Amino acid sequence: MTPRILIAGRDEQQRQWLRHHLQTLWPDAEPPSLDLEQFERHLDSITRRNYDVALLCARFDKTSTQQSEGIEWLRQLRGERRLPPLVVVAADGNELSAIRAMRFGASAYLPRDLLDAQLLERTLRKVLHASRRRARRLASASRRHDDQVAPGLEIPRYSLLRQLGRSARASVWLARSAALQQPVALKISEPLDSDPGDLQQFAHEYSAIAALRDPAIVDIYDYGVHEGREFLAMEYFPCGDLKQRLLNPLTSDEAIAYARRIAAALRVVHGAGILHRDLKPPNVMLRPDGSVVLIDFGLARHINATRSTAIGVLRGSPYYMSPEQVQGRELDARSDQYALGVVCYEMLTGRKPFTGLTAMDLMQEHVSGERPPLPPELAAYEPLIGRLMARDREARFPDMDAVLADLTEPAAPAAAQDADAA
């Protein structure tokens, strides 16, 4: 996988050199390049969740008595536990500077005068490997902890087996249903100690799809409230989701096949008068036969009631939100179509079309940014992506029937183009 690397430093020429060599090592890399003032302003978003490594280019002094720029930065960053591993690219330092830098939390120290492409690659791969091993250890410890605390969560008629995921609002467990005598995914809200009328976040999701009966829509088996927690029992998918599948590259044929299945599922949802509003790879589950299932209708709304979100409150994933959703405007079925375009771009290329240092930067890209074109070998799909992700929704497909008609044209665009060339 292409690592997510950020570059920070005062010397723009040095940052450009580093960016060039990173893109030589990883052609799909698009490392942000910040001066140190920008780096300081965006510290809240420079986390292990967003980046795998940060390259900090700074000046060091040759004696331990002088307070160098590099040491002062490392001293300031020492308490930022959410930061990704820091690799120092040091100007004017020496062996003593390296020792001090490592003591203050640097994962590696690279003297600028000795730096070449081979040393940069060797160091980054070593740091990335160590970081991933640490992440696996922490994940393993977290799973053990989850298993220990599972008995404390009790929902009548369900035996909790292990935690599948967690967010600020809920946890999802693999559980055994006594009534169904089969495994289910059990979504349990965090305790809500306010007015009982507020216990509706899952009730909305339940009502949105309880009447939908289609293989492409998740089955909901049960809903209830127990000791101040809402819970939803739903279909369990041992094959995981599309996000996990994207860890391994898809061929263009596979990507278009998945896009066709997702579009067919959205046609069912829209046919019932519902907008999903949160289409993204983690919400597309996979069955063993390769078919897809849409889940997580917590943000779903009826097509005629799509402006119920409070002013100033935006819901959804910034990577996949349509321009009109970012701007808080009324939505229609073409808003889900835009998200499908983003997912399709990601399946074809292995990367998202828009990125940003903050959620607001990212959302602004959907409104006014220039989408990177598909690489030349995928250019045949550019008209499809361009129409799905058109900034003006009037330029998108009129509905999912039209999307499916385009996706199911004979032999797919790339093959047709090859035939023309022959």
Protein backbone atom coordinates (compact mmCIF):
# COMPACT_ATOMS: atom_id res chain seq x y z
CA MET A 1 0.00 0.00 0.00
CA THR A 2 1.07 3.57 -0.64
CA PRO A 3 2.03 5.13 2.71
CA ARG A 4 0.51 8.45 3.74
CA ILE A 5 3.47 10.76 4.34
CA LEU A 6 3.46 14.45 5.25
CA ILE A 7 6.43 16.79 4.71
CA ALA A 8 7.03 19.86 6.89
CA GLY A 9 9.89 22.35 6.87
CA ARG A 10 10.98 25.90 6.03
CA ASP A 11 13.02 25.07 2.93
CA GLU A 12 10.58 24.75 0.04
CA GLN A 13 13.25 23.42 -2.32
CA GLN A 14 14.08 20.63 0.13
CA ARG A 15 10.41 19.77 0.52
CA GLN A 16 10.06 19.54 -3.26
CA TRP A 17 13.10 17.22 -3.43
CA LEU A 18 11.59 14.96 -0.80
CA ARG A 19 8.19 14.98 -2.51
CA HIS A 20 9.80 14.03 -5.83
CA HIS A 21 11.63 11.07 -4.31
CA LEU A 22 8.60 9.88 -2.39
CA GLN A 23 6.60 9.84 -5.64
CA THR A 24 9.44 7.93 -7.28
CA LEU A 25 9.20 5.30 -4.54
CA TRP A 26 5.40 5.28 -4.47
CA PRO A 27 3.94 6.66 -7.74
CA ASP A 28 0.47 7.06 -6.20
CA ALA A 29 1.78 9.11 -3.27
CA GLU A 30 0.51 12.68 -2.93
CA PRO A 31 2.33 13.90 0.20
CA PRO A 32 1.19 17.30 1.51
CA SER A 33 4.06 19.80 1.81
CA LEU A 34 3.73 22.37 4.62
CA ASP A 35 5.92 25.13 5.97
CA LEU A 36 6.39 25.00 9.73
CA GLU A 37 3.72 27.61 10.42
CA GLN A 38 1.16 25.58 8.48
CA PHE A 39 2.36 22.44 10.24
CA GLU A 40 1.71 24.06 13.61
CA ARG A 41 -1.75 25.31 12.59
CA HIS A 42 -2.83 21.86 11.40
CA LEU A 43 -1.40 19.78 14.25
CA ASP A 44 -4.88 18.67 15.33
CA SER A 45 -5.37 16.84 12.03
CA ILE A 46 -1.84 15.40 11.74
CA THR A 47 -2.55 12.11 13.50
CA ARG A 48 -1.76 8.42 13.08
CA ARG A 49 -5.26 8.03 11.71
CA ASN A 50 -4.50 10.40 8.81
CA TYR A 51 -0.76 9.83 8.21
CA ASP A 52 1.72 6.98 8.52
CA VAL A 53 4.86 9.16 8.80
CA ALA A 54 5.71 12.86 9.09
CA LEU A 55 9.03 14.16 7.72
CA LEU A 56 10.19 17.12 9.81
CA CYS A 57 12.91 19.20 8.12
CA ALA A 58 14.61 21.43 10.69
CA ARG A 59 17.92 23.00 11.64
CA PHE A 60 20.04 21.50 14.44
CA ASP A 61 23.13 22.85 16.21
CA LYS A 62 26.35 20.99 16.81
CA THR A 63 26.49 21.55 20.57
CA SER A 64 24.13 20.50 23.33
CA THR A 65 24.19 23.95 24.91
CA GLN A 66 22.40 25.71 22.05
CA GLN A 67 18.64 25.49 21.68
CA SER A 68 18.26 24.47 18.04
CA GLU A 69 15.09 24.77 15.99
CA GLY A 70 14.84 21.00 15.60
CA ILE A 71 15.14 20.22 19.31
CA GLU A 72 12.60 22.91 20.19
CA TRP A 73 10.13 21.41 17.72
CA LEU A 74 10.66 17.90 19.08
CA ARG A 75 10.30 19.18 22.64
CA GLN A 76 7.00 20.84 21.68
CA LEU A 77 5.70 17.73 19.91
CA ARG A 78 6.80 15.27 22.57
CA GLY A 79 3.42 15.25 24.31
CA GLU A 80 1.38 14.87 21.11
CA ARG A 81 0.64 11.16 21.41
CA ARG A 82 -1.63 11.13 18.37
CA LEU A 83 1.16 12.22 16.00
CA PRO A 84 2.44 9.72 13.44
CA PRO A 85 6.11 8.64 13.68
CA LEU A 86 8.45 11.62 13.09
CA VAL A 87 11.46 11.24 10.81
CA VAL A 88 13.85 14.17 11.20
CA VAL A 89 15.72 15.54 8.18
CA ALA A 90 18.41 17.55 9.95
CA ALA A 91 20.50 20.47 8.71
CA ASP A 92 23.77 21.40 10.48
CA GLY A 93 23.58 18.67 13.10
CA ASN A 94 25.98 15.91 14.17
CA GLU A 95 25.97 12.64 16.13
CA LEU A 96 25.05 14.48 19.32
CA SER A 97 22.06 16.05 17.56
CA ALA A 98 20.93 12.60 16.46
CA ILE A 99 21.08 11.25 20.01
CA ARG A 100 19.11 14.21 21.37
CA ALA A 101 16.53 13.97 18.59
CA MET A 102 15.90 10.30 19.33
CA ARG A 103 15.60 11.04 23.04
CA PHE A 104 12.93 13.63 22.28
CA GLY A 105 10.84 11.15 20.31
CA ALA A 106 12.09 11.10 16.71
CA SER A 107 11.69 7.70 15.09
CA ALA A 108 14.71 8.29 12.82
CA TYR A 109 17.32 10.98 12.15
CA LEU A 110 18.60 11.72 8.63
CA PRO A 111 21.44 14.22 8.10
CA ARG A 112 20.43 16.38 5.14
CA ASP A 113 23.97 16.52 3.67
CA LEU A 114 24.18 12.71 3.54
CA LEU A 115 20.64 12.07 2.39
CA ASP A 116 20.01 10.27 -0.89
CA ALA A 117 17.09 8.35 -2.35
CA GLN A 118 18.38 4.97 -1.11
CA LEU A 119 18.83 6.14 2.49
CA LEU A 120 15.41 7.81 2.43
CA GLU A 121 13.71 4.66 1.18
CA ARG A 122 15.56 2.35 3.60
CA THR A 123 14.71 4.55 6.58
CA LEU A 124 11.06 5.06 5.70
CA ARG A 125 10.43 1.37 5.12
CA LYS A 126 12.01 0.56 8.48
CA VAL A 127 9.90 3.18 10.29
CA LEU A 128 6.72 2.08 8.52
CA HIS A 129 7.39 -1.56 9.38
CA ALA A 130 7.96 -0.73 13.06
CA SER A 131 4.84 1.45 13.15
CA ARG A 132 2.66 -1.28 11.67
CA ARG A 133 4.00 -3.85 14.12
CA ARG A 134 3.15 -1.47 16.96
CA ALA A 135 -0.37 -0.93 15.55
CA ARG A 136 -0.91 -4.69 15.35
CA ARG A 137 0.22 -5.12 18.97
CA LEU A 138 -2.13 -2.37 20.12
CA ALA A 139 -5.01 -3.84 18.10
CA SER A 140 -4.37 -7.25 19.61
CA ALA A 141 -4.30 -5.77 23.12
CA SER A 142 -7.50 -3.86 22.37
CA ARG A 143 -9.24 -7.03 21.19
CA ARG A 144 -8.19 -8.82 24.36
CA HIS A 145 -9.55 -5.90 26.39
CA ASP A 146 -12.81 -5.94 24.43
CA ASP A 147 -13.19 -9.65 25.09
CA GLN A 148 -12.69 -9.01 28.80
CA VAL A 149 -15.30 -6.25 29.00
CA ALA A 150 -17.86 -8.05 26.83
CA PRO A 151 -19.59 -9.76 29.77
CA GLY A 152 -20.38 -6.32 31.21
CA LEU A 153 -22.63 -5.57 28.24
CA GLU A 154 -25.78 -7.63 28.42
CA ILE A 155 -28.65 -7.63 25.96
CA PRO A 156 -31.38 -10.18 26.70
CA ARG A 157 -31.54 -13.10 24.25
CA TYR A 158 -28.09 -12.39 22.82
CA SER A 159 -24.66 -13.80 23.74
CA LEU A 160 -21.86 -11.38 22.86
CA LEU A 161 -18.90 -13.18 21.29
CA ARG A 162 -16.45 -10.48 20.16
CA GLN A 163 -16.39 -6.84 19.16
CA LEU A 164 -16.42 -6.11 15.43
CA GLY A 165 -16.13 -2.32 15.57
CA ARG A 166 -16.68 0.79 17.63
CA SER A 167 -17.50 4.47 17.17
CA ALA A 168 -18.25 7.35 19.52
CA ARG A 169 -21.95 6.49 19.43
CA ALA A 170 -22.07 2.70 19.31
CA SER A 171 -20.26 -0.62 19.31
CA VAL A 172 -20.95 -3.56 17.00
CA TRP A 173 -20.61 -7.12 18.26
CA LEU A 174 -20.69 -10.57 16.78
CA ALA A 175 -23.41 -12.18 18.87
CA ARG A 176 -25.47 -15.35 19.01
CA SER A 177 -29.23 -14.91 18.85
CA ALA A 178 -31.12 -17.33 21.07
CA ALA A 179 -34.31 -16.78 19.06
CA LEU A 180 -32.74 -17.29 15.63
CA GLN A 181 -30.07 -19.77 16.71
CA GLN A 182 -27.55 -18.08 14.43
CA PRO A 183 -24.81 -15.42 14.53
CA VAL A 184 -25.90 -11.79 14.11
CA ALA A 185 -24.22 -8.41 14.13
CA LEU A 186 -25.52 -6.63 17.22
CA LYS A 187 -25.21 -2.85 17.24
CA ILE A 188 -25.41 -1.37 20.75
CA SER A 189 -25.58 2.35 21.48
CA GLU A 190 -23.59 4.08 24.17
CA PRO A 191 -25.65 4.74 27.34
CA LEU A 192 -28.03 7.67 26.91
CA ASP A 193 -29.10 9.17 30.20
CA SER A 194 -31.22 12.02 28.83
CA ASP A 195 -34.91 12.06 28.01
CA PRO A 196 -36.16 8.64 26.84
CA GLY A 197 -37.45 10.37 23.72
CA ASP A 198 -33.83 10.80 22.63
CA LEU A 199 -33.43 7.04 22.33
CA GLN A 200 -34.20 7.15 18.64
CA GLN A 201 -30.95 6.96 16.69
CA PHE A 202 -31.37 3.25 15.97
CA ALA A 203 -35.17 3.45 15.80
CA HIS A 204 -34.79 5.72 12.78
CA GLU A 205 -32.44 3.27 11.09
CA TYR A 206 -34.80 0.40 11.88
CA SER A 207 -37.83 2.17 10.46
CA ALA A 208 -35.91 3.28 7.36
CA ILE A 209 -35.23 -0.24 6.13
CA ALA A 210 -37.46 -2.63 8.10
CA ALA A 211 -39.91 -2.74 5.19
CA LEU A 212 -37.21 -3.28 2.56
CA ARG A 213 -36.84 -6.92 1.63
CA ASP A 214 -34.11 -7.37 -0.95
CA PRO A 215 -30.87 -9.41 -0.99
CA ALA A 216 -28.89 -6.19 -1.56
CA ILE A 217 -30.21 -4.55 1.66
CA VAL A 218 -29.13 -5.70 5.11
CA ASP A 219 -31.69 -7.77 7.01
CA ILE A 220 -32.72 -6.27 10.36
CA TYR A 221 -33.96 -8.94 12.77
CA ASP A 222 -34.67 -7.07 15.97
CA TYR A 223 -34.75 -3.65 17.63
CA GLY A 224 -35.10 -2.71 21.27
CA VAL A 225 -33.94 -0.67 24.26
CA HIS A 226 -32.33 -2.26 27.32
CA GLU A 227 -31.09 -0.34 30.37
CA GLY A 228 -30.69 2.93 28.50
CA ARG A 229 -29.09 1.43 25.39
CA GLU A 230 -30.66 0.95 22.00
CA PHE A 231 -29.75 -2.19 20.07
CA LEU A 232 -30.20 -3.49 16.54
CA ALA A 233 -29.72 -7.12 15.53
CA MET A 234 -28.87 -7.51 11.87
CA GLU A 235 -27.35 -9.82 9.32
CA TYR A 236 -23.70 -10.77 9.94
CA PHE A 237 -21.21 -10.76 7.05
CA PRO A 238 -18.13 -12.91 7.71
CA CYS A 239 -16.56 -11.83 4.37
CA GLY A 240 -16.17 -8.26 5.59
CA ASP A 241 -16.72 -5.04 3.67
CA LEU A 242 -15.56 -3.30 0.50
CA LYS A 243 -13.03 -1.21 2.44
CA GLN A 244 -11.21 -4.39 3.46
CA ARG A 245 -11.44 -5.71 -0.10
CA LEU A 246 -9.77 -2.53 -1.39
CA LEU A 247 -6.64 -3.38 0.59
CA ASN A 248 -5.90 -5.55 -2.45
CA PRO A 249 -6.12 -3.82 -5.85
CA LEU A 250 -9.11 -4.49 -8.08
CA THR A 251 -8.96 -4.95 -11.83
CA SER A 252 -11.04 -2.47 -13.81
CA ASP A 253 -13.50 -5.27 -14.64
CA GLU A 254 -13.88 -6.11 -10.93
CA ALA A 255 -14.34 -2.43 -10.04
CA ILE A 256 -17.08 -1.95 -12.63
CA ALA A 257 -18.77 -5.19 -11.54
CA TYR A 258 -18.89 -3.93 -7.94
CA ALA A 259 -20.13 -0.52 -9.12
CA ARG A 260 -22.94 -2.25 -11.02
CA ARG A 261 -24.01 -4.20 -7.92
CA ILE A 262 -23.93 -1.10 -5.71
CA ALA A 263 -25.96 0.85 -8.27
CA ALA A 264 -28.55 -1.96 -8.37
CA ALA A 265 -28.80 -1.85 -4.55
CA LEU A 266 -29.24 1.94 -4.62
CA ARG A 267 -32.00 1.52 -7.21
CA VAL A 268 -33.90 -0.60 -4.68
CA VAL A 269 -33.37 1.99 -1.94
CA HIS A 270 -34.42 4.91 -4.14
CA GLY A 271 -37.40 2.92 -5.42
CA ALA A 272 -38.64 2.80 -1.81
CA GLY A 273 -38.34 6.60 -1.61
CA ILE A 274 -35.21 6.56 0.57
CA LEU A 275 -31.81 8.24 0.24
CA HIS A 276 -28.87 6.46 1.87
CA ARG A 277 -26.74 9.64 2.39
CA ASP A 278 -23.73 7.74 3.73
CA LEU A 279 -22.55 5.48 0.91
CA LYS A 280 -18.87 4.52 1.37
CA PRO A 281 -16.81 1.29 1.22
CA PRO A 282 -17.28 0.38 4.94
CA ASN A 283 -21.06 0.45 4.37
CA VAL A 284 -20.90 -2.01 1.47
CA MET A 285 -20.72 -5.56 2.82
CA LEU A 286 -19.71 -8.61 0.78
CA ARG A 287 -21.20 -12.08 0.58
CA PRO A 288 -19.18 -15.20 -0.36
CA ASP A 289 -20.61 -15.15 -3.90
CA GLY A 290 -19.32 -11.59 -4.44
CA SER A 291 -22.72 -9.90 -4.17
CA VAL A 292 -22.95 -6.69 -2.15
CA VAL A 293 -25.24 -5.56 0.66
CA LEU A 294 -25.81 -1.98 1.81
CA ILE A 295 -25.76 -1.35 5.56
CA ASP A 296 -25.87 1.58 8.00
CA PHE A 297 -28.99 3.54 7.18
CA GLY A 298 -28.58 5.76 10.25
CA LEU A 299 -28.45 8.89 8.07
CA ALA A 300 -31.10 7.74 5.60
CA ARG A 301 -33.97 10.08 4.87
CA HIS A 302 -37.12 9.97 2.81
CA ILE A 303 -36.60 11.65 -0.54
CA ASN A 304 -39.27 14.23 0.35
CA ALA A 305 -37.69 15.06 3.73
CA THR A 306 -34.02 15.47 2.95
CA ARG A 307 -33.34 18.79 4.66
CA SER A 308 -33.99 17.76 8.22
CA THR A 309 -30.37 18.14 9.38
CA ALA A 310 -29.96 21.16 11.64
CA ILE A 311 -28.26 24.19 10.13
CA GLY A 312 -24.52 24.03 10.76
CA VAL A 313 -24.57 20.26 11.38
CA LEU A 314 -23.18 18.12 8.57
CA ARG A 315 -23.58 14.36 8.68
CA GLY A 316 -21.75 11.86 6.50
CA SER A 317 -18.20 11.04 5.49
CA PRO A 318 -16.29 14.05 4.06
CA TYR A 319 -14.54 11.82 1.51
CA TYR A 320 -17.84 10.85 -0.16
CA MET A 321 -20.20 13.82 0.34
CA SER A 322 -21.74 15.48 -2.68
CA PRO A 323 -21.26 19.25 -3.16
CA GLU A 324 -24.91 19.88 -2.31
CA GLN A 325 -24.60 17.81 0.89
CA VAL A 326 -21.52 19.81 1.92
CA GLN A 327 -23.44 23.05 1.31
CA GLY A 328 -26.47 21.91 3.31
CA ARG A 329 -28.79 22.10 0.31
CA GLU A 330 -31.75 19.87 -0.45
CA LEU A 331 -30.73 16.41 -1.58
CA ASP A 332 -32.19 13.97 -4.04
CA ALA A 333 -31.29 10.55 -5.43
CA ARG A 334 -28.45 12.07 -7.48
CA SER A 335 -26.60 12.85 -4.23
CA ASP A 336 -26.11 9.12 -3.61
CA GLN A 337 -25.00 8.90 -7.25
CA TYR A 338 -22.12 11.31 -6.53
CA ALA A 339 -20.96 9.10 -3.62
CA LEU A 340 -21.10 6.11 -5.97
CA GLY A 341 -18.82 8.03 -8.35
CA VAL A 342 -16.29 8.60 -5.55
CA VAL A 343 -16.38 4.91 -4.60
CA CYS A 344 -16.02 3.90 -8.25
CA TYR A 345 -12.99 6.22 -8.68
CA GLU A 346 -11.44 4.69 -5.55
CA MET A 347 -12.06 1.14 -6.79
CA LEU A 348 -10.49 1.90 -10.17
CA THR A 349 -7.42 3.80 -8.94
CA GLY A 350 -6.88 2.57 -5.37
CA ARG A 351 -7.05 6.12 -4.01
CA LYS A 352 -9.68 8.73 -3.20
CA PRO A 353 -10.17 11.60 -5.65
CA PHE A 354 -9.97 14.31 -2.99
CA THR A 355 -7.87 14.64 0.17
CA GLY A 356 -7.31 17.42 2.68
CA LEU A 357 -5.59 18.22 5.95
CA THR A 358 -8.92 18.85 7.67
CA ALA A 359 -12.51 17.76 7.12
CA MET A 360 -13.41 21.30 6.04
CA ASP A 361 -10.53 21.39 3.52
CA LEU A 362 -11.71 18.06 2.14
CA MET A 363 -15.33 19.11 1.85
CA GLN A 364 -14.32 22.32 0.09
CA GLU A 365 -12.53 20.20 -2.52
CA HIS A 366 -15.87 18.60 -3.42
CA VAL A 367 -17.38 22.05 -3.91
CA SER A 368 -14.60 23.79 -5.84
CA GLY A 369 -11.60 21.47 -6.23
CA GLU A 370 -10.30 19.99 -9.47
CA ARG A 371 -10.74 16.23 -9.52
CA PRO A 372 -7.58 14.41 -10.69
CA PRO A 373 -8.28 12.65 -14.00
CA LEU A 374 -8.06 8.89 -14.18
CA PRO A 375 -4.65 7.55 -15.25
CA PRO A 376 -4.22 7.05 -19.02
CA GLU A 377 -4.84 3.29 -18.88
CA LEU A 378 -8.25 3.98 -17.31
CA ALA A 379 -9.19 6.95 -19.49
CA ALA A 380 -12.06 5.01 -21.08
CA TYR A 381 -13.92 5.29 -17.77
CA GLU A 382 -13.47 9.07 -17.51
CA PRO A 383 -16.91 9.88 -19.02
CA LEU A 384 -18.59 7.60 -16.46
CA ILE A 385 -16.77 9.10 -13.47
CA GLY A 386 -17.16 12.62 -14.84
CA ARG A 387 -20.92 12.24 -15.05
CA LEU A 388 -21.38 10.48 -11.70
CA MET A 389 -19.28 13.13 -9.94
CA ALA A 390 -20.51 16.16 -11.86
CA ARG A 391 -20.53 19.18 -9.56
CA ASP A 392 -23.85 20.28 -11.05
CA ARG A 393 -26.25 17.46 -10.31
CA GLU A 394 -28.26 18.32 -13.41
CA ALA A 395 -25.28 16.96 -15.37
CA ARG A 396 -25.41 13.59 -13.58
CA PHE A 397 -27.45 10.60 -14.67
CA PRO A 398 -31.20 11.11 -14.17
CA ASP A 399 -31.54 7.98 -12.01
CA MET A 400 -29.97 4.63 -11.16
CA ASP A 401 -31.62 2.96 -14.15
CA ALA A 402 -29.56 5.24 -16.39
CA VAL A 403 -26.42 4.54 -14.35
CA LEU A 404 -26.97 0.79 -14.71
CA ALA A 405 -27.57 1.13 -18.44
CA ASP A 406 -24.20 2.84 -18.78
CA LEU A 407 -22.45 0.30 -16.55
CA THR A 408 -23.85 -2.67 -18.45
CA GLU A 409 -22.92 -1.61 -21.97
CA PRO A 410 -21.35 -4.55 -23.87
CA ALA A 411 -17.73 -5.48 -23.15
CA ALA A 412 -17.02 -2.37 -20.98
CA PRO A 413 -15.41 0.84 -22.27
CA ALA A 414 -11.78 -0.34 -22.19
CA ALA A 415 -12.49 -3.32 -24.41
CA ALA A 416 -14.45 -1.16 -26.83
CA GLN A 417 -11.55 1.26 -27.06
CA ASP A 418 -9.17 -1.61 -27.82
CA ALA A 419 -11.47 -2.73 -30.61
CA ASP A 420 -11.47 0.76 -32.14
CA ALA A 421 -7.67 0.88 -32.05
CA ALA A 422 -7.51 -2.44 -33.89
